[in-house]
């Protein structure tokens, strides 16, 4: 299987542009190149560290992934790496411009460009077909149907990315927030969990639901303190 084919297979399976450097794809073929294993491992560690809130390890591993990819001279692969990083940010409700990807946009393939537009909430109708299936279903759904489509996404990170896009585009319902909170909680992802809990708390306060707001603040406090009780 070629590198391009392995990436395409990974794109379809992970549904969040997780890097397609899967070892299983090459198990019956030639040995997997060292750069490919290093880039995949470092990118996974970097994303895990980001979601856990470990900034030091995150930056170290992203740098390692970039170094491994730079050995190939493939700008399209570097663009995909930056897009993966931006997807993690959207899952954590960090909606800053994806400047690292934009610097490489001209070198990216059409699906990556569409995904980047999707993350910013500016997806053109003609780009929808370029999205992974899970994200496509959410992008096409109306506000009343988006919650059901969101809950059906199997990959936790992909589910959080879709929830982040729904919030950014003003289509997030209370059910959306609940799915996102419980997804992040089940995975032990501290960064997105805090972000989504804070959104829930603000909405509860705005609705005058003092009981829910207090309960959510207690939950936020325990996550922020790393489990330490007063």
Protein backbone atom coordinates (compact mmCIF):
# COMPACT_ATOMS: atom_id res chain seq x y z
CA UNK A 1 0.00 0.00 0.00
CA UNK A 2 1.36 3.43 -0.93
CA UNK A 3 1.75 6.21 1.61
CA UNK A 4 -1.04 8.14 -0.08
CA UNK A 5 -3.37 5.15 0.13
CA UNK A 6 -2.51 4.59 3.79
CA UNK A 7 -3.34 8.22 4.53
CA UNK A 8 -6.64 7.99 2.69
CA UNK A 9 -7.56 4.87 4.65
CA UNK A 10 -6.63 6.58 7.90
CA UNK A 11 -8.70 9.62 6.98
CA UNK A 12 -11.82 7.57 6.38
CA UNK A 13 -11.43 5.49 9.53
CA UNK A 14 -10.49 8.17 12.06
CA UNK A 15 -12.94 10.75 10.70
CA UNK A 16 -10.96 13.59 12.22
CA UNK A 17 -7.96 13.69 9.94
CA UNK A 18 -5.90 11.63 12.36
CA UNK A 19 -2.71 10.82 10.56
CA UNK A 20 -2.94 7.78 8.34
CA UNK A 21 0.42 6.31 9.25
CA UNK A 22 -1.08 3.05 10.49
CA UNK A 23 1.32 0.19 10.96
CA UNK A 24 -1.37 -2.39 10.26
CA UNK A 25 -1.82 -1.03 6.76
CA UNK A 26 1.72 -2.05 5.89
CA UNK A 27 1.93 -5.27 7.89
CA UNK A 28 2.03 -7.50 4.80
CA UNK A 29 4.15 -5.17 2.69
CA UNK A 30 7.56 -3.48 2.92
CA UNK A 31 8.83 -2.35 6.34
CA UNK A 32 7.27 0.90 7.51
CA UNK A 33 9.73 3.81 7.12
CA UNK A 34 11.21 5.11 10.35
CA UNK A 35 10.00 8.65 9.70
CA UNK A 36 6.45 7.38 9.38
CA UNK A 37 6.52 5.55 12.72
CA UNK A 38 8.19 8.50 14.44
CA UNK A 39 5.76 11.03 13.04
CA UNK A 40 2.70 8.95 13.91
CA UNK A 41 3.89 8.24 17.46
CA UNK A 42 4.89 11.83 18.16
CA UNK A 43 1.64 13.26 16.74
CA UNK A 44 -0.44 10.90 18.87
CA UNK A 45 1.54 11.76 22.00
CA UNK A 46 1.26 15.46 21.24
CA UNK A 47 -2.50 15.31 20.80
CA UNK A 48 -2.90 13.25 23.98
CA UNK A 49 -0.75 15.73 25.92
CA UNK A 50 -2.74 18.68 24.61
CA UNK A 51 -6.06 17.15 25.60
CA UNK A 52 -4.64 16.30 29.01
CA UNK A 53 -3.45 19.89 29.45
CA UNK A 54 0.28 19.08 29.42
CA UNK A 55 1.64 21.97 27.35
CA UNK A 56 5.32 21.08 27.75
CA UNK A 57 5.01 17.54 26.43
CA UNK A 58 2.58 18.65 23.74
CA UNK A 59 5.03 21.16 22.25
CA UNK A 60 7.93 18.74 22.46
CA UNK A 61 6.04 16.01 20.60
CA UNK A 62 4.64 18.32 17.91
CA UNK A 63 8.21 19.44 17.23
CA UNK A 64 9.29 15.81 16.93
CA UNK A 65 6.46 15.05 14.53
CA UNK A 66 7.34 18.06 12.36
CA UNK A 67 11.00 17.06 12.32
CA UNK A 68 10.13 13.54 11.18
CA UNK A 69 7.89 14.84 8.40
CA UNK A 70 10.39 17.46 7.27
CA UNK A 71 12.72 14.61 6.32
CA UNK A 72 10.31 13.74 3.50
CA UNK A 73 10.06 17.23 2.02
CA UNK A 74 6.30 16.66 1.80
CA UNK A 75 4.51 19.94 2.48
CA UNK A 76 1.13 18.25 2.14
CA UNK A 77 1.95 15.96 5.07
CA UNK A 78 3.07 18.90 7.17
CA UNK A 79 -0.21 20.65 6.34
CA UNK A 80 -2.13 17.59 7.51
CA UNK A 81 -0.17 17.53 10.76
CA UNK A 82 -1.03 21.17 11.47
CA UNK A 83 -4.67 20.49 10.69
CA UNK A 84 -4.69 17.63 13.20
CA UNK A 85 -3.39 20.03 15.82
CA UNK A 86 -6.09 22.58 14.99
CA UNK A 87 -8.78 19.91 15.25
CA UNK A 88 -7.72 19.26 18.84
CA UNK A 89 -8.05 22.95 19.58
CA UNK A 90 -11.58 23.11 18.20
CA UNK A 91 -12.49 20.08 20.30
CA UNK A 92 -11.30 22.13 23.29
CA UNK A 93 -13.20 25.25 22.14
CA UNK A 94 -10.08 27.17 21.16
CA UNK A 95 -11.28 28.93 18.04
CA UNK A 96 -8.13 30.84 17.18
CA UNK A 97 -7.16 30.94 13.48
CA UNK A 98 -5.27 27.87 12.32
CA UNK A 99 -2.32 29.95 11.12
CA UNK A 100 0.07 27.00 10.89
CA UNK A 101 -2.19 25.26 8.39
CA UNK A 102 -3.00 28.42 6.48
CA UNK A 103 0.70 28.93 5.83
CA UNK A 104 0.64 25.56 4.03
CA UNK A 105 -2.86 25.70 2.54
CA UNK A 106 -1.63 25.94 -1.03
CA UNK A 107 0.21 22.63 -0.57
CA UNK A 108 -2.74 20.80 1.04
CA UNK A 109 -5.13 18.42 -0.71
CA UNK A 110 -8.79 19.31 -1.25
CA UNK A 111 -10.10 17.25 1.72
CA UNK A 112 -7.72 19.04 4.09
CA UNK A 113 -8.76 22.45 2.75
CA UNK A 114 -12.42 21.54 3.21
CA UNK A 115 -11.75 20.29 6.74
CA UNK A 116 -9.96 23.49 7.64
CA UNK A 117 -12.94 25.51 6.40
CA UNK A 118 -15.25 23.22 8.38
CA UNK A 119 -13.27 23.86 11.56
CA UNK A 120 -13.67 27.62 11.13
CA UNK A 121 -17.40 27.34 10.43
CA UNK A 122 -16.94 28.61 6.88
CA UNK A 123 -17.47 25.43 4.89
CA UNK A 124 -18.84 26.03 1.40
CA UNK A 125 -21.72 23.77 0.28
CA UNK A 126 -19.59 22.27 -2.48
CA UNK A 127 -16.95 21.26 0.06
CA UNK A 128 -19.25 19.10 2.19
CA UNK A 129 -18.58 16.01 0.07
CA UNK A 130 -14.87 16.32 0.88
CA UNK A 131 -15.40 15.85 4.61
CA UNK A 132 -15.01 12.53 6.45
CA UNK A 133 -18.36 10.75 6.73
CA UNK A 134 -18.94 11.48 10.43
CA UNK A 135 -18.30 15.20 10.08
CA UNK A 136 -20.28 15.33 6.84
CA UNK A 137 -23.40 14.07 8.61
CA UNK A 138 -23.13 16.80 11.24
CA UNK A 139 -22.36 19.49 8.66
CA UNK A 140 -25.47 18.59 6.68
CA UNK A 141 -27.81 18.19 9.65
CA UNK A 142 -30.21 20.85 10.82
CA UNK A 143 -30.07 22.05 14.41
CA UNK A 144 -32.74 19.59 15.54
CA UNK A 145 -30.96 16.64 13.91
CA UNK A 146 -27.36 17.58 14.68
CA UNK A 147 -27.52 16.19 18.23
CA UNK A 148 -28.47 12.73 17.03
CA UNK A 149 -25.77 12.78 14.38
CA UNK A 150 -23.23 13.90 16.98
CA UNK A 151 -24.07 11.10 19.40
CA UNK A 152 -23.65 8.55 16.61
CA UNK A 153 -20.00 9.44 15.97
CA UNK A 154 -17.90 6.60 17.34
CA UNK A 155 -14.48 8.24 17.65
CA UNK A 156 -14.39 10.43 20.81
CA UNK A 157 -12.10 13.10 19.39
CA UNK A 158 -14.10 13.29 16.18
CA UNK A 159 -17.25 13.68 18.28
CA UNK A 160 -15.73 16.57 20.22
CA UNK A 161 -14.53 18.26 17.04
CA UNK A 162 -18.05 18.09 15.61
CA UNK A 163 -19.47 19.46 18.86
CA UNK A 164 -16.98 22.33 18.74
CA UNK A 165 -18.05 23.21 15.21
CA UNK A 166 -21.71 23.11 16.27
CA UNK A 167 -20.98 25.55 19.09
CA UNK A 168 -18.96 27.84 16.84
CA UNK A 169 -21.73 27.94 14.23
CA UNK A 170 -24.47 28.58 16.80
CA UNK A 171 -26.12 25.16 16.45
CA UNK A 172 -25.18 23.65 19.81
CA UNK A 173 -28.10 22.62 22.01
CA UNK A 174 -28.00 21.62 25.69
CA UNK A 175 -27.79 18.02 24.46
CA UNK A 176 -24.70 18.93 22.44
CA UNK A 177 -23.01 20.26 25.56
CA UNK A 178 -23.93 17.16 27.55
CA UNK A 179 -22.52 14.83 24.89
CA UNK A 180 -19.31 16.85 24.73
CA UNK A 181 -18.87 16.96 28.51
CA UNK A 182 -19.46 13.27 28.98
CA UNK A 183 -17.19 12.42 26.05
CA UNK A 184 -14.30 14.43 27.46
CA UNK A 185 -14.99 13.10 30.96
CA UNK A 186 -14.99 9.47 29.83
CA UNK A 187 -11.62 9.94 28.13
CA UNK A 188 -10.09 11.88 31.02
CA UNK A 189 -9.34 14.82 28.71
CA UNK A 190 -8.90 17.67 31.17
CA UNK A 191 -8.57 20.56 28.71
CA UNK A 192 -11.76 20.04 26.67
CA UNK A 193 -13.67 18.92 29.77
CA UNK A 194 -12.99 22.24 31.52
CA UNK A 195 -13.89 24.20 28.40
CA UNK A 196 -17.22 22.46 27.92
CA UNK A 197 -18.11 22.54 31.62
CA UNK A 198 -17.54 26.30 31.63
CA UNK A 199 -19.91 26.71 28.69
CA UNK A 200 -22.52 24.65 30.51
CA UNK A 201 -22.04 26.73 33.68
CA UNK A 202 -22.43 30.03 31.81
CA UNK A 203 -25.62 28.83 30.16
CA UNK A 204 -27.02 27.64 33.48
CA UNK A 205 -26.27 31.02 35.05
CA UNK A 206 -27.84 32.85 32.13
CA UNK A 207 -30.97 30.70 32.47
CA UNK A 208 -31.15 31.39 36.20
CA UNK A 209 -30.61 27.72 37.07
CA UNK A 210 -28.64 28.30 40.25
CA UNK A 211 -28.64 24.66 41.35
CA UNK A 212 -27.12 23.47 38.07
CA UNK A 213 -24.63 26.35 38.00
CA UNK A 214 -23.37 25.56 41.51
CA UNK A 215 -23.07 21.87 40.70
CA UNK A 216 -21.10 22.62 37.54
CA UNK A 217 -18.78 25.01 39.37
CA UNK A 218 -18.00 22.29 41.89
CA UNK A 219 -17.18 19.94 39.04
CA UNK A 220 -14.98 22.56 37.37
CA UNK A 221 -13.14 23.18 40.64
CA UNK A 222 -12.26 19.52 41.16
CA UNK A 223 -10.89 19.23 37.61
CA UNK A 224 -8.87 22.43 38.02
CA UNK A 225 -7.41 21.28 41.34
CA UNK A 226 -6.43 17.90 39.96
CA UNK A 227 -8.64 15.96 42.36
CA UNK A 228 -7.63 17.79 45.55
CA UNK A 229 -10.54 18.41 47.90
CA UNK A 230 -10.85 21.42 50.19
